[in-house]
Amino acid sequence: MARGLKSDLIALGVMVALLGGASMLQPDTSLQLVERSGVLRVCVPQSFPPLVNDNRTNPGFDISILEEIAKRSNLRLSTNVSATMGRDFNPANWRITRAQCEVVAGGVVTSVMTRSFLETIDTGIENGWVMISKGAAPAKGARIGVYPGFAGLDRLKLSTYLRDSGYQIALASSPEAVVQELKAGQYDAAVASSLDALQVVSASPGYSTNWLPESLGRFAFGLGLWKGDVTLKRRVLSAWRAMQQDGFVAQQRARYGLIEMPKTAGL
């Protein structure tokens, strides 16, 4: 009996200690600080179309979304361009800090690696390999222009898949080069990341896109916030959900050509 009472007292002591420690934790003032300054700061790369464009008239999907979030929160959006962003998809290599921004946008992959460094909000924008063609998949032996870009996707898997499918591969130096070669009839079709393909299709009437198999790689983009900024994340997430419900997000997807592509099993 005495031994049981002693165990209960020890357990109670541990609980009291834990609760006491929790009460000493610093409160989350992330939203309060932003509201006090009146500015929501976002770190972005110089350009990551169509998420971030170097264009004030059409600043990109992520920027347009964040401008509206700031507006609905009675804040002003301020962008901080980082030259280190966009070089790879590991935010730990971007050399950005809380002192520079509260939100990170323009190429934030909502992966396990990213979530070890940032809180993320998925914006539903996917990136993966797509085939750009007129109607049906090109026949075996077709010449396929491939723009690998900097997609963060597995180029080796793509090359193996295309060769196993019987295609001839021609590397392209840019989306503009793909457009020119398609118009000149040098390519029967082309392959690029879904984001890069938007530039090609918009300048190539009659062409459309279809996903290649998901096994070749596919991932989602979103917005990043610093770990522990719970109150600010709640505000951003609340505004994002409201924008989804009232159609603003859909409008911006259409504005930037981010129409959801059919998830075919592959061509």
Protein backbone atom coordinates (compact mmCIF):
# COMPACT_ATOMS: atom_id res chain seq x y z
CA MET A 1 0.00 0.00 0.00
CA ALA A 2 2.77 2.39 1.03
CA ARG A 3 4.74 1.43 -2.08
CA GLY A 4 1.72 2.21 -4.30
CA LEU A 5 1.21 5.57 -2.59
CA LYS A 6 4.88 6.39 -3.11
CA SER A 7 4.61 5.57 -6.84
CA ASP A 8 1.54 7.77 -7.14
CA LEU A 9 3.34 10.65 -5.44
CA ILE A 10 6.32 10.28 -7.78
CA ALA A 11 4.03 10.27 -10.83
CA LEU A 12 2.24 13.36 -9.49
CA GLY A 13 5.58 15.07 -8.95
CA VAL A 14 6.65 14.36 -12.53
CA MET A 15 3.37 15.77 -13.86
CA VAL A 16 3.73 18.93 -11.78
CA ALA A 17 7.29 19.37 -13.02
CA LEU A 18 6.23 18.95 -16.64
CA LEU A 19 3.35 21.40 -16.29
CA GLY A 20 5.63 23.85 -14.55
CA GLY A 21 8.17 23.56 -17.34
CA ALA A 22 5.50 24.07 -19.97
CA SER A 23 4.31 27.23 -18.25
CA MET A 24 7.86 28.62 -18.53
CA LEU A 25 8.02 28.14 -22.32
CA GLN A 26 8.15 31.33 -24.34
CA PRO A 27 4.71 32.19 -25.77
CA ASP A 28 4.29 32.15 -29.55
CA THR A 29 4.17 35.82 -30.57
CA SER A 30 4.69 35.30 -34.32
CA LEU A 31 1.29 36.68 -35.36
CA GLN A 32 1.41 39.46 -32.79
CA LEU A 33 4.80 40.66 -34.08
CA VAL A 34 3.63 40.68 -37.69
CA GLU A 35 0.44 42.57 -36.80
CA ARG A 36 2.47 45.08 -34.81
CA SER A 37 4.75 45.79 -37.79
CA GLY A 38 1.88 45.75 -40.29
CA VAL A 39 4.07 43.87 -42.78
CA LEU A 40 4.17 40.22 -43.84
CA ARG A 41 7.64 39.52 -45.23
CA VAL A 42 8.25 36.71 -47.70
CA CYS A 43 11.55 35.28 -48.97
CA VAL A 44 11.44 34.34 -52.66
CA PRO A 45 13.87 33.46 -55.47
CA GLN A 46 14.49 36.00 -58.23
CA SER A 47 12.31 33.94 -60.56
CA PHE A 48 10.54 30.58 -60.37
CA PRO A 49 7.74 30.73 -62.96
CA PRO A 50 4.84 30.52 -62.64
CA LEU A 51 5.06 30.58 -58.83
CA VAL A 52 7.30 33.65 -58.75
CA ASN A 53 7.72 35.85 -61.82
CA ASP A 54 10.07 38.78 -62.26
CA ASN A 55 7.07 40.82 -63.37
CA ARG A 56 5.06 43.31 -61.29
CA THR A 57 1.93 42.92 -63.40
CA ASN A 58 1.89 39.13 -63.07
CA PRO A 59 4.06 38.43 -60.02
CA GLY A 60 3.34 34.70 -59.91
CA PHE A 61 0.88 32.37 -58.22
CA ASP A 62 2.59 32.28 -54.82
CA ILE A 63 2.99 36.07 -54.67
CA SER A 64 -0.60 36.74 -55.75
CA ILE A 65 -1.83 34.32 -53.08
CA LEU A 66 0.31 35.92 -50.37
CA GLU A 67 -0.71 39.44 -51.41
CA GLU A 68 -4.34 38.44 -50.89
CA ILE A 69 -3.56 36.74 -47.56
CA ALA A 70 -1.82 39.92 -46.40
CA LYS A 71 -4.71 42.09 -47.62
CA ARG A 72 -7.28 39.98 -45.77
CA SER A 73 -5.16 40.23 -42.63
CA ASN A 74 -4.80 44.04 -42.90
CA LEU A 75 -1.10 43.66 -43.68
CA ARG A 76 1.23 44.77 -46.44
CA LEU A 77 3.30 42.15 -48.28
CA SER A 78 7.03 42.77 -48.61
CA THR A 79 9.23 40.51 -50.75
CA ASN A 80 12.85 39.74 -49.97
CA VAL A 81 14.63 38.25 -53.00
CA SER A 82 17.24 35.63 -52.13
CA ALA A 83 19.87 34.67 -54.69
CA THR A 84 20.47 31.34 -52.94
CA MET A 85 16.88 30.15 -53.30
CA GLY A 86 16.07 28.02 -56.33
CA ARG A 87 19.53 26.47 -56.64
CA ASP A 88 18.23 23.27 -55.10
CA PHE A 89 15.17 22.06 -53.21
CA ASN A 90 16.75 21.81 -49.74
CA PRO A 91 15.71 24.94 -47.79
CA ALA A 92 18.57 24.35 -45.35
CA ASN A 93 20.90 25.46 -48.17
CA TRP A 94 19.06 28.70 -48.91
CA ARG A 95 20.73 30.72 -46.12
CA ILE A 96 17.56 32.53 -45.15
CA THR A 97 16.63 33.43 -41.58
CA ARG A 98 13.75 34.68 -39.47
CA ALA A 99 15.32 38.13 -39.59
CA GLN A 100 14.61 38.25 -43.34
CA CYS A 101 11.07 36.90 -43.57
CA GLU A 102 8.14 35.16 -41.93
CA VAL A 103 7.08 33.17 -45.00
CA VAL A 104 9.07 31.33 -47.68
CA ALA A 105 7.61 30.88 -51.19
CA GLY A 106 8.56 30.07 -54.77
CA GLY A 107 9.73 26.48 -54.93
CA VAL A 108 9.04 25.18 -51.41
CA VAL A 109 8.57 21.43 -51.79
CA THR A 110 6.25 20.01 -49.12
CA SER A 111 8.48 17.01 -48.45
CA VAL A 112 9.64 15.29 -45.26
CA MET A 113 13.03 16.99 -45.69
CA THR A 114 11.43 20.43 -45.91
CA ARG A 115 9.15 19.78 -42.93
CA SER A 116 12.22 19.04 -40.80
CA PHE A 117 13.18 22.67 -41.37
CA LEU A 118 9.92 24.54 -42.01
CA GLU A 119 6.19 24.32 -41.34
CA THR A 120 4.46 23.92 -44.70
CA ILE A 121 1.07 24.68 -46.25
CA ASP A 122 0.33 22.68 -49.40
CA THR A 123 -1.03 24.90 -52.20
CA GLY A 124 -1.95 22.00 -54.46
CA ILE A 125 0.63 22.78 -57.17
CA GLU A 126 2.29 19.57 -58.39
CA ASN A 127 5.47 19.14 -60.36
CA GLY A 128 6.39 16.07 -62.37
CA TRP A 129 7.35 14.98 -65.87
CA VAL A 130 4.75 15.54 -68.59
CA MET A 131 4.52 14.76 -72.29
CA ILE A 132 3.74 17.69 -74.57
CA SER A 133 2.03 16.42 -77.71
CA LYS A 134 -0.86 16.79 -80.13
CA GLY A 135 -3.47 14.32 -79.01
CA ALA A 136 -2.32 10.70 -78.70
CA ALA A 137 1.12 9.64 -77.53
CA PRO A 138 3.75 9.65 -80.30
CA ALA A 139 4.59 6.32 -81.91
CA LYS A 140 7.80 4.39 -81.29
CA GLY A 141 10.77 5.91 -83.03
CA ALA A 142 9.43 9.45 -82.57
CA ARG A 143 11.91 12.22 -81.80
CA ILE A 144 11.22 13.66 -78.35
CA GLY A 145 12.66 16.98 -77.24
CA VAL A 146 13.53 16.88 -73.54
CA TYR A 147 14.05 19.98 -71.42
CA PRO A 148 15.39 18.72 -68.09
CA GLY A 149 15.50 22.20 -66.53
CA PHE A 150 16.03 22.35 -62.80
CA ALA A 151 13.01 20.37 -61.83
CA GLY A 152 14.39 18.42 -58.90
CA LEU A 153 13.16 15.32 -60.73
CA ASP A 154 15.00 12.12 -61.62
CA ARG A 155 16.45 12.65 -65.10
CA LEU A 156 18.02 9.19 -65.25
CA LYS A 157 14.66 7.48 -64.67
CA LEU A 158 13.12 9.67 -67.35
CA SER A 159 15.84 8.86 -69.88
CA THR A 160 15.49 5.12 -69.21
CA TYR A 161 11.69 5.31 -69.52
CA LEU A 162 11.81 7.18 -72.85
CA ARG A 163 14.43 4.87 -74.36
CA ASP A 164 12.54 1.77 -73.19
CA SER A 165 9.45 3.25 -74.87
CA GLY A 166 11.33 3.38 -78.15
CA TYR A 167 11.76 7.15 -78.44
CA GLN A 168 14.72 9.10 -79.78
CA ILE A 169 15.84 11.76 -77.29
CA ALA A 170 17.05 15.27 -78.17
CA LEU A 171 18.01 17.60 -75.31
CA ALA A 172 16.66 21.15 -75.41
CA SER A 173 18.37 24.12 -73.79
CA SER A 174 15.21 26.03 -72.76
CA PRO A 175 11.42 26.04 -72.98
CA GLU A 176 11.77 28.60 -75.79
CA ALA A 177 13.96 26.16 -77.72
CA VAL A 178 11.32 23.46 -77.31
CA VAL A 179 8.69 25.81 -78.76
CA GLN A 180 10.89 26.64 -81.76
CA GLU A 181 11.72 23.00 -82.50
CA LEU A 182 8.08 21.91 -82.22
CA LYS A 183 7.05 24.65 -84.64
CA ALA A 184 9.86 23.67 -87.04
CA GLY A 185 8.80 20.02 -86.92
CA GLN A 186 12.11 18.89 -85.43
CA TYR A 187 10.33 17.25 -82.48
CA ASP A 188 7.31 14.96 -82.67
CA ALA A 189 6.62 15.73 -79.02
CA ALA A 190 8.46 17.02 -75.98
CA VAL A 191 8.94 16.27 -72.28
CA ALA A 192 9.49 18.78 -69.49
CA SER A 193 8.49 19.34 -65.88
CA SER A 194 4.84 20.30 -65.53
CA LEU A 195 5.78 23.88 -64.57
CA ASP A 196 8.16 24.35 -67.51
CA ALA A 197 5.61 22.75 -69.83
CA LEU A 198 3.20 25.60 -69.13
CA GLN A 199 5.48 28.00 -71.01
CA VAL A 200 5.71 25.61 -73.96
CA VAL A 201 1.98 24.91 -74.28
CA SER A 202 1.02 28.58 -73.93
CA ALA A 203 3.19 29.36 -76.98
CA SER A 204 2.31 26.22 -78.96
CA PRO A 205 -1.32 26.15 -80.18
CA GLY A 206 -2.73 22.67 -80.54
CA TYR A 207 -0.39 21.06 -78.01
CA SER A 208 -1.49 19.75 -74.63
CA THR A 209 0.11 17.94 -71.71
CA ASN A 210 -0.33 14.57 -70.00
CA TRP A 211 1.42 13.27 -66.92
CA LEU A 212 4.03 10.60 -67.39
CA PRO A 213 3.92 7.75 -64.81
CA GLU A 214 4.08 8.88 -61.20
CA SER A 215 6.89 6.36 -60.63
CA LEU A 216 9.17 8.80 -62.48
CA GLY A 217 8.69 11.26 -59.64
CA ARG A 218 6.11 13.83 -58.62
CA PHE A 219 5.93 16.26 -55.74
CA ALA A 220 3.90 19.18 -54.41
CA PHE A 221 4.79 22.82 -53.79
CA GLY A 222 3.55 25.04 -51.00
CA LEU A 223 4.33 27.87 -48.60
CA GLY A 224 6.84 27.61 -45.76
CA LEU A 225 6.79 29.16 -42.29
CA TRP A 226 9.30 28.86 -39.49
CA LYS A 227 9.00 26.08 -36.96
CA GLY A 228 7.12 27.21 -33.87
CA ASP A 229 5.25 30.08 -35.55
CA VAL A 230 1.93 28.43 -34.77
CA THR A 231 -0.28 31.51 -34.47
CA LEU A 232 0.97 32.97 -37.75
CA LYS A 233 0.52 29.63 -39.52
CA ARG A 234 -3.06 29.44 -38.26
CA ARG A 235 -3.81 32.90 -39.66
CA VAL A 236 -2.23 32.10 -43.06
CA LEU A 237 -3.98 28.71 -43.22
CA SER A 238 -7.32 30.26 -42.27
CA ALA A 239 -7.01 32.85 -45.04
CA TRP A 240 -5.91 30.18 -47.53
CA ARG A 241 -8.96 28.02 -46.76
CA ALA A 242 -11.29 31.00 -47.09
CA MET A 243 -9.72 31.83 -50.47
CA GLN A 244 -10.28 28.25 -51.61
CA GLN A 245 -13.94 28.45 -50.61
CA ASP A 246 -14.68 31.81 -52.25
CA GLY A 247 -12.96 30.91 -55.53
CA PHE A 248 -9.93 33.20 -55.31
CA VAL A 249 -7.45 30.31 -55.47
CA ALA A 250 -9.19 28.86 -58.53
CA GLN A 251 -9.04 32.26 -60.22
CA GLN A 252 -5.30 32.50 -59.63
CA ARG A 253 -4.71 28.96 -60.88
CA ALA A 254 -6.48 29.89 -64.10
CA ARG A 255 -4.62 33.22 -64.32
CA TYR A 256 -1.25 31.47 -64.27
CA GLY A 257 -2.26 28.46 -66.34
CA LEU A 258 -2.11 26.08 -63.40
CA ILE A 259 -5.06 24.02 -64.54
CA GLU A 260 -4.92 20.57 -62.98
CA MET A 261 -3.79 18.04 -65.56
CA PRO A 262 -5.40 14.61 -65.84
CA LYS A 263 -3.51 12.03 -63.80
CA THR A 264 -3.14 9.40 -66.49
CA ALA A 265 -1.32 6.18 -65.75
CA GLY A 266 1.23 7.18 -68.36
CA LEU A 267 1.59 7.42 -72.12
